[in-house]
C-alpha atoms as a PDB file:
ATOM      1  CA  MET A   1      49.756  86.072 115.175  1.00  0.00           C
ATOM      2  CA  ILE A   2      53.439  87.062 115.036  1.00  0.00           C
ATOM      3  CA  THR A   3      55.875  85.164 112.829  1.00  0.00           C
ATOM      4  CA  GLN A   4      59.665  85.011 112.799  1.00  0.00           C
ATOM      5  CA  GLU A   5      59.527  86.955 109.525  1.00  0.00           C
ATOM      6  CA  ASP A   6      57.595  89.715 111.318  1.00  0.00           C
ATOM      7  CA  VAL A   7      60.347  89.933 113.937  1.00  0.00           C
ATOM      8  CA  LYS A   8      63.050  90.111 111.261  1.00  0.00           C
ATOM      9  CA  ALA A   9      61.091  92.846 109.466  1.00  0.00           C
ATOM     10  CA  ALA A  10      60.802  94.799 112.735  1.00  0.00           C
ATOM     11  CA  GLN A  11      64.553  94.440 113.291  1.00  0.00           C
ATOM     12  CA  LYS A  12      65.224  95.681 109.760  1.00  0.00           C
ATOM     13  CA  ALA A  13      62.941  98.675 110.351  1.00  0.00           C
ATOM     14  CA  TRP A  14      64.717  99.449 113.623  1.00  0.00           C
ATOM     15  CA  GLY A  15      68.157  99.334 111.993  1.00  0.00           C
ATOM     16  CA  GLU A  16      67.024 101.416 109.031  1.00  0.00           C
ATOM     17  CA  GLY A  17      65.525 103.920 111.468  1.00  0.00           C
ATOM     18  CA  VAL A  18      68.825 104.362 113.316  1.00  0.00           C
ATOM     19  CA  VAL A  19      70.637 104.860 109.992  1.00  0.00           C
ATOM     20  CA  ALA A  20      67.971 107.352 108.866  1.00  0.00           C
ATOM     21  CA  ILE A  21      68.379 109.370 112.070  1.00  0.00           C
ATOM     22  CA  ALA A  22      72.163 109.470 111.536  1.00  0.00           C
ATOM     23  CA  ALA A  23      71.777 110.474 107.876  1.00  0.00           C
ATOM     24  CA  THR A  24      69.256 113.186 108.725  1.00  0.00           C
ATOM     25  CA  HIS A  25      71.615 114.533 111.399  1.00  0.00           C
ATOM     26  CA  SER A  26      74.571 114.495 108.972  1.00  0.00           C
ATOM     27  CA  SER A  27      72.586 116.425 106.358  1.00  0.00           C
ATOM     28  CA  ASP A  28      71.462 119.047 108.916  1.00  0.00           C
ATOM     29  CA  GLY A  29      67.865 117.846 108.666  1.00  0.00           C
ATOM     30  CA  ASP A  30      65.291 117.525 111.430  1.00  0.00           C
ATOM     31  CA  TYR A  31      66.871 114.477 113.040  1.00  0.00           C
ATOM     32  CA  ILE A  32      64.940 115.022 116.270  1.00  0.00           C
ATOM     33  CA  GLU A  33      61.638 114.626 114.438  1.00  0.00           C
ATOM     34  CA  ARG A  34      63.030 111.579 112.630  1.00  0.00           C
ATOM     35  CA  ALA A  35      63.952 110.088 116.021  1.00  0.00           C
ATOM     36  CA  ARG A  36      60.494 110.869 117.394  1.00  0.00           C
ATOM     37  CA  ILE A  37      58.935 108.948 114.514  1.00  0.00           C
ATOM     38  CA  HIS A  38      61.364 106.076 115.127  1.00  0.00           C
ATOM     39  CA  VAL A  39      60.458 105.743 118.806  1.00  0.00           C
ATOM     40  CA  GLU A  40      56.713 106.391 118.259  1.00  0.00           C
ATOM     41  CA  SER A  41      56.372 103.809 115.502  1.00  0.00           C
ATOM     42  CA  LEU A  42      58.601 101.027 116.857  1.00  0.00           C
ATOM     43  CA  TYR A  43      58.302 101.101 120.656  1.00  0.00           C
ATOM     44  CA  ALA A  44      55.232 100.414 122.816  1.00  0.00           C
ATOM     45  CA  TYR A  45      55.338 103.693 124.791  1.00  0.00           C
ATOM     46  CA  GLY A  46      51.754 104.774 125.466  1.00  0.00           C
ATOM     47  CA  ILE A  47      50.486 101.249 124.782  1.00  0.00           C
ATOM     48  CA  ALA A  48      52.169  99.150 127.468  1.00  0.00           C
ATOM     49  CA  PRO A  49      55.074  99.446 129.914  1.00  0.00           C
ATOM     50  CA  VAL A  50      58.417  99.529 128.076  1.00  0.00           C
ATOM     51  CA  PHE A  51      61.616  98.141 129.559  1.00  0.00           C
ATOM     52  CA  PHE A  52      64.534  99.799 127.731  1.00  0.00           C
ATOM     53  CA  LYS A  53      68.144  99.362 128.850  1.00  0.00           C
ATOM     54  CA  PRO A  54      70.290 101.208 126.294  1.00  0.00           C
ATOM     55  CA  THR A  55      73.817 100.074 125.506  1.00  0.00           C
ATOM     56  CA  MET A  56      75.711 103.083 126.791  1.00  0.00           C
ATOM     57  CA  ALA A  57      73.434 104.140 129.665  1.00  0.00           C
ATOM     58  CA  VAL A  58      75.294 104.146 132.978  1.00  0.00           C
ATOM     59  CA  LYS A  59      73.806 106.672 135.404  1.00  0.00           C
ATOM     60  CA  GLU A  60      70.244 106.374 134.162  1.00  0.00           C
ATOM     61  CA  GLN A  61      70.311 102.747 133.082  1.00  0.00           C
ATOM     62  CA  PHE A  62      66.645 102.292 132.255  1.00  0.00           C
ATOM     63  CA  ARG A  63      64.367 104.367 130.022  1.00  0.00           C
ATOM     64  CA  SER A  64      60.747 103.701 130.905  1.00  0.00           C
ATOM     65  CA  THR A  65      59.449 106.866 129.228  1.00  0.00           C
ATOM     66  CA  PHE A  66      59.242 108.065 125.648  1.00  0.00           C
ATOM     67  CA  GLU A  67      61.329 111.140 126.502  1.00  0.00           C
ATOM     68  CA  GLY A  68      64.018 108.966 128.096  1.00  0.00           C
ATOM     69  CA  ALA A  69      64.240 106.841 124.948  1.00  0.00           C
ATOM     70  CA  LEU A  70      64.338 109.913 122.718  1.00  0.00           C
ATOM     71  CA  SER A  71      67.140 111.336 124.850  1.00  0.00           C
ATOM     72  CA  TYR A  72      69.202 108.207 124.344  1.00  0.00           C
ATOM     73  CA  PHE A  73      68.838 108.316 120.578  1.00  0.00           C
ATOM     74  CA  VAL A  74      69.434 112.045 119.984  1.00  0.00           C
ATOM     75  CA  ALA A  75      70.299 113.782 123.313  1.00  0.00           C
ATOM     76  CA  SER A  76      68.011 116.693 122.465  1.00  0.00           C
ATOM     77  CA  ASN A  77      65.715 117.155 125.437  1.00  0.00           C
ATOM     78  CA  ASN A  78      67.955 117.211 128.550  1.00  0.00           C
ATOM     79  CA  GLU A  79      66.028 114.223 129.928  1.00  0.00           C
ATOM     80  CA  CYS A  80      69.205 112.276 130.738  1.00  0.00           C
ATOM     81  CA  PRO A  81      72.325 114.474 130.949  1.00  0.00           C
ATOM     82  CA  GLU A  82      74.697 111.547 130.288  1.00  0.00           C
ATOM     83  CA  ASP A  83      73.276 110.951 126.796  1.00  0.00           C
ATOM     84  CA  LEU A  84      75.384 111.846 123.775  1.00  0.00           C
ATOM     85  CA  GLY A  85      72.941 110.746 121.083  1.00  0.00           C
ATOM     86  CA  PHE A  86      73.597 107.150 120.105  1.00  0.00           C
ATOM     87  CA  ALA A  87      71.733 107.438 116.796  1.00  0.00           C
ATOM     88  CA  ILE A  88      73.603 110.565 115.665  1.00  0.00           C
ATOM     89  CA  LYS A  89      77.027 108.930 115.671  1.00  0.00           C
ATOM     90  CA  GLY A  90      76.901 108.527 111.894  1.00  0.00           C
ATOM     91  CA  TRP A  91      75.975 104.845 111.666  1.00  0.00           C
ATOM     92  CA  THR A  92      75.710 103.767 108.032  1.00  0.00           C
ATOM     93  CA  ARG A  93      74.346 100.258 108.531  1.00  0.00           C
ATOM     94  CA  VAL A  94      72.855  98.030 111.218  1.00  0.00           C
ATOM     95  CA  ARG A  95      72.635  94.279 110.829  1.00  0.00           C
ATOM     96  CA  PHE A  96      71.149  91.710 113.181  1.00  0.00           C
ATOM     97  CA  GLU A  97      72.404  88.188 113.844  1.00  0.00           C
ATOM     98  CA  ASN A  98      69.763  86.383 115.860  1.00  0.00           C
ATOM     99  CA  GLU A  99      70.820  83.644 118.241  1.00  0.00           C
ATOM    100  CA  GLY A 100      67.160  82.778 118.414  1.00  0.00           C
ATOM    101  CA  ILE A 101      63.603  84.014 118.051  1.00  0.00           C
ATOM    102  CA  VAL A 102      60.703  82.734 120.152  1.00  0.00           C
ATOM    103  CA  VAL A 103      57.168  83.502 119.018  1.00  0.00           C
ATOM    104  CA  ASN A 104      54.074  83.127 121.230  1.00  0.00           C
ATOM    105  CA  GLU A 105      51.049  84.292 119.218  1.00  0.00           C
ATOM    106  CA  SER A 106      50.871  87.971 120.299  1.00  0.00           C
ATOM    107  CA  ASN A 107      54.414  88.418 121.626  1.00  0.00           C
ATOM    108  CA  ALA A 108      57.923  87.462 120.614  1.00  0.00           C
ATOM    109  CA  LEU A 109      61.477  87.525 121.925  1.00  0.00           C
ATOM    110  CA  ALA A 110      64.707  87.788 119.947  1.00  0.00           C
ATOM    111  CA  MET A 111      68.266  87.645 121.239  1.00  0.00           C
ATOM    112  CA  GLY A 112      71.640  87.854 119.535  1.00  0.00           C
ATOM    113  CA  ASN A 113      74.145  90.408 118.316  1.00  0.00           C
ATOM    114  CA  TYR A 114      73.672  93.442 116.195  1.00  0.00           C
ATOM    115  CA  PHE A 115      76.412  95.256 114.401  1.00  0.00           C
ATOM    116  CA  PHE A 116      76.623  99.003 113.797  1.00  0.00           C
ATOM    117  CA  THR A 117      78.807 100.213 110.922  1.00  0.00           C
ATOM    118  CA  SER A 118      80.659 103.460 111.622  1.00  0.00           C
ATOM    119  CA  PRO A 119      81.277 106.113 108.952  1.00  0.00           C
ATOM    120  CA  GLU A 120      84.811 104.679 108.631  1.00  0.00           C
ATOM    121  CA  GLY A 121      83.402 101.221 107.847  1.00  0.00           C
ATOM    122  CA  ASN A 122      84.190  99.581 111.192  1.00  0.00           C
ATOM    123  CA  GLU A 123      81.610  97.353 112.832  1.00  0.00           C
ATOM    124  CA  VAL A 124      80.723  97.666 116.509  1.00  0.00           C
ATOM    125  CA  LYS A 125      79.223  94.498 117.972  1.00  0.00           C
ATOM    126  CA  VAL A 126      76.471  94.860 120.571  1.00  0.00           C
ATOM    127  CA  GLU A 127      74.456  92.165 122.332  1.00  0.00           C
ATOM    128  CA  PHE A 128      70.677  92.544 122.367  1.00  0.00           C
ATOM    129  CA  THR A 129      67.430  91.115 123.634  1.00  0.00           C
ATOM    130  CA  PHE A 130      64.219  92.554 122.194  1.00  0.00           C
ATOM    131  CA  GLY A 131      60.690  91.669 123.257  1.00  0.00           C
ATOM    132  CA  TYR A 132      57.787  92.507 120.950  1.00  0.00           C
ATOM    133  CA  ILE A 133      54.043  92.843 121.379  1.00  0.00           C
ATOM    134  CA  LEU A 134      51.286  93.585 118.891  1.00  0.00           C
ATOM    135  CA  ASP A 135      49.526  96.926 118.987  1.00  0.00           C
ATOM    136  CA  SER A 136      45.793  97.331 118.267  1.00  0.00           C
ATOM    137  CA  LYS A 137      46.508  97.628 114.523  1.00  0.00           C
ATOM    138  CA  GLY A 138      48.584  94.456 114.421  1.00  0.00           C
ATOM    139  CA  ASN A 139      51.984  96.177 114.266  1.00  0.00           C
ATOM    140  CA  LEU A 140      54.936  94.863 116.232  1.00  0.00           C
ATOM    141  CA  ARG A 141      56.105  97.174 119.003  1.00  0.00           C
ATOM    142  CA  ILE A 142      59.211  96.865 121.152  1.00  0.00           C
ATOM    143  CA  GLN A 143      58.285  96.369 124.797  1.00  0.00           C
ATOM    144  CA  LEU A 144      61.668  95.063 125.952  1.00  0.00           C
ATOM    145  CA  HIS A 145      65.005  96.363 124.642  1.00  0.00           C
ATOM    146  CA  HIS A 146      68.213  95.402 126.401  1.00  0.00           C
ATOM    147  CA  SER A 147      71.567  96.152 124.801  1.00  0.00           C
ATOM    148  CA  SER A 148      75.080  95.756 126.136  1.00  0.00           C
ATOM    149  CA  LEU A 149      78.629  95.666 124.924  1.00  0.00           C
ATOM    150  CA  PRO A 150      80.190  92.186 124.979  1.00  0.00           C
ATOM    151  CA  ALA A 151      81.940  91.271 128.215  1.00  0.00           C
ATOM    152  CA  SER A 152      85.703  91.634 128.291  1.00  0.00           C
ATOM    153  CA  LEU A 153      88.055  89.179 129.929  1.00  0.00           C
ATOM    154  CA  GLU A 154      90.519  91.951 130.703  1.00  0.00           C
END
C-alpha cells in the first residue's frame, strides 16, 4: 500500500535524478546512461502505459515511449528533434511543493509546483501532476507526468 511518505520519497528521487544527470553532464561523464537509469527506475515504461507531457514539448507533446522520455531529458537519440535536453541545463536543485497527494492503495496522484534551481541560483517554477503505480517489487513508478509553465496573463 502506498503512503504519502512514499510519494514524497519518489519525488525526492526524481529531483535528485535530474540534478545527477545535470552534474554528470557538467563533469563530462556518461550523462546518457545516468538518464537511462533515471527513466528506467522511476517511470513505468515496460510495465504499464505511461502518459508523459513534458514541460517544454511543443511539436511532440506526449512521450508514450521510453526513447521519447529519454530524448526529452538528454536529447541524445534523435527521437524528438525539438528536444534540447531538459535535464542537462545544469539544474542544481529540484524541490516539490505539493498542493495535494491522493493515495488509493496501489496508486497515487500528486499535484503542485516544483522548482528547478539554475546554476546561477534562480528558481524556475513549473506546475506538475504525477500519477504513481506500484511495480511487481513494490516500487513506485511514474505512470502519469504532466508538467507546464504557469499561465501568463499577458
